[in-house]
Amino acid sequence: MFRVIIANESDTKRLAYHYNPQFLVKKDSVSDEIQKLGDLRRQGLLTEEEFEQRKEKLLN
């Protein structure tokens, strides 16, 4: 086990990019995100209420 000490936001982004290059890729569109939430709902991983709350948050 090891600890990572992050001094600032720049370090955070650099570490995130190092371990996950997709981190800096443009975010999905709102409609893509809602579609993913719908998939999670259909899989039973989100309730209808959770889906609606998250969708509302994305739309506002």
C-alpha atoms as a PDB file:
ATOM      1  CA  MET A   1       0.000   0.000   0.000  1.00  0.00           C
ATOM      2  CA  PHE A   2       1.220   3.500  -0.752  1.00  0.00           C
ATOM      3  CA  ARG A   3       0.029   7.047  -0.306  1.00  0.00           C
ATOM      4  CA  VAL A   4      -0.164   9.718  -2.943  1.00  0.00           C
ATOM      5  CA  ILE A   5       0.159  13.279  -1.747  1.00  0.00           C
ATOM      6  CA  ILE A   6      -1.545  15.731  -4.040  1.00  0.00           C
ATOM      7  CA  ALA A   7      -0.370  19.308  -3.631  1.00  0.00           C
ATOM      8  CA  ASN A   8      -2.774  21.034  -5.990  1.00  0.00           C
ATOM      9  CA  GLU A   9      -5.399  20.623  -8.688  1.00  0.00           C
ATOM     10  CA  SER A  10      -2.757  20.430 -11.402  1.00  0.00           C
ATOM     11  CA  ASP A  11      -1.249  17.369  -9.687  1.00  0.00           C
ATOM     12  CA  THR A  12      -4.702  15.795  -9.505  1.00  0.00           C
ATOM     13  CA  LYS A  13      -5.255  16.198 -13.247  1.00  0.00           C
ATOM     14  CA  ARG A  14      -1.781  14.949 -14.070  1.00  0.00           C
ATOM     15  CA  LEU A  15      -2.304  11.810 -11.954  1.00  0.00           C
ATOM     16  CA  ALA A  16      -5.772  11.234 -13.379  1.00  0.00           C
ATOM     17  CA  TYR A  17      -4.417  11.517 -16.923  1.00  0.00           C
ATOM     18  CA  HIS A  18      -1.508   9.207 -16.132  1.00  0.00           C
ATOM     19  CA  TYR A  19      -3.794   6.465 -14.847  1.00  0.00           C
ATOM     20  CA  ASN A  20      -6.712   7.153 -17.181  1.00  0.00           C
ATOM     21  CA  PRO A  21      -5.981   9.055 -20.418  1.00  0.00           C
ATOM     22  CA  GLN A  22      -9.715   9.236 -21.118  1.00  0.00           C
ATOM     23  CA  PHE A  23      -9.986  11.641 -18.163  1.00  0.00           C
ATOM     24  CA  LEU A  24      -9.179  14.633 -20.354  1.00  0.00           C
ATOM     25  CA  VAL A  25     -11.410  13.625 -23.264  1.00  0.00           C
ATOM     26  CA  LYS A  26     -14.429  15.844 -23.875  1.00  0.00           C
ATOM     27  CA  LYS A  27     -17.406  14.888 -21.731  1.00  0.00           C
ATOM     28  CA  ASP A  28     -20.392  13.161 -23.276  1.00  0.00           C
ATOM     29  CA  SER A  29     -23.319  15.284 -24.320  1.00  0.00           C
ATOM     30  CA  VAL A  30     -26.260  15.619 -21.959  1.00  0.00           C
ATOM     31  CA  SER A  31     -28.317  13.287 -24.145  1.00  0.00           C
ATOM     32  CA  ASP A  32     -25.540  10.655 -23.988  1.00  0.00           C
ATOM     33  CA  GLU A  33     -25.459  10.934 -20.206  1.00  0.00           C
ATOM     34  CA  ILE A  34     -29.249  10.578 -19.967  1.00  0.00           C
ATOM     35  CA  GLN A  35     -29.074   7.553 -22.240  1.00  0.00           C
ATOM     36  CA  LYS A  36     -26.476   5.969 -19.930  1.00  0.00           C
ATOM     37  CA  LEU A  37     -28.695   6.693 -16.930  1.00  0.00           C
ATOM     38  CA  GLY A  38     -31.577   5.022 -18.773  1.00  0.00           C
ATOM     39  CA  ASP A  39     -29.435   1.961 -19.358  1.00  0.00           C
ATOM     40  CA  LEU A  40     -28.589   1.806 -15.652  1.00  0.00           C
ATOM     41  CA  ARG A  41     -32.301   2.110 -14.803  1.00  0.00           C
ATOM     42  CA  ARG A  42     -33.226  -0.715 -17.191  1.00  0.00           C
ATOM     43  CA  GLN A  43     -30.512  -2.885 -15.627  1.00  0.00           C
ATOM     44  CA  GLY A  44     -32.062  -2.252 -12.217  1.00  0.00           C
ATOM     45  CA  LEU A  45     -29.036  -0.319 -10.963  1.00  0.00           C
ATOM     46  CA  LEU A  46     -31.028   2.911 -10.578  1.00  0.00           C
ATOM     47  CA  THR A  47     -34.565   3.326  -9.325  1.00  0.00           C
ATOM     48  CA  GLU A  48     -37.037   5.414 -11.316  1.00  0.00           C
ATOM     49  CA  GLU A  49     -36.713   8.137  -8.674  1.00  0.00           C
ATOM     50  CA  GLU A  50     -32.901   8.128  -8.857  1.00  0.00           C
ATOM     51  CA  PHE A  51     -33.066   8.264 -12.649  1.00  0.00           C
ATOM     52  CA  GLU A  52     -35.412  11.254 -12.611  1.00  0.00           C
ATOM     53  CA  GLN A  53     -33.304  13.100 -10.015  1.00  0.00           C
ATOM     54  CA  ARG A  54     -30.084  12.625 -11.968  1.00  0.00           C
ATOM     55  CA  LYS A  55     -31.738  13.490 -15.261  1.00  0.00           C
ATOM     56  CA  GLU A  56     -33.140  16.686 -13.775  1.00  0.00           C
ATOM     57  CA  LYS A  57     -29.692  17.602 -12.461  1.00  0.00           C
ATOM     58  CA  LEU A  58     -28.189  17.139 -15.941  1.00  0.00           C
ATOM     59  CA  LEU A  59     -30.880  19.254 -17.564  1.00  0.00           C
ATOM     60  CA  ASN A  60     -30.443  22.188 -15.166  1.00  0.00           C
END
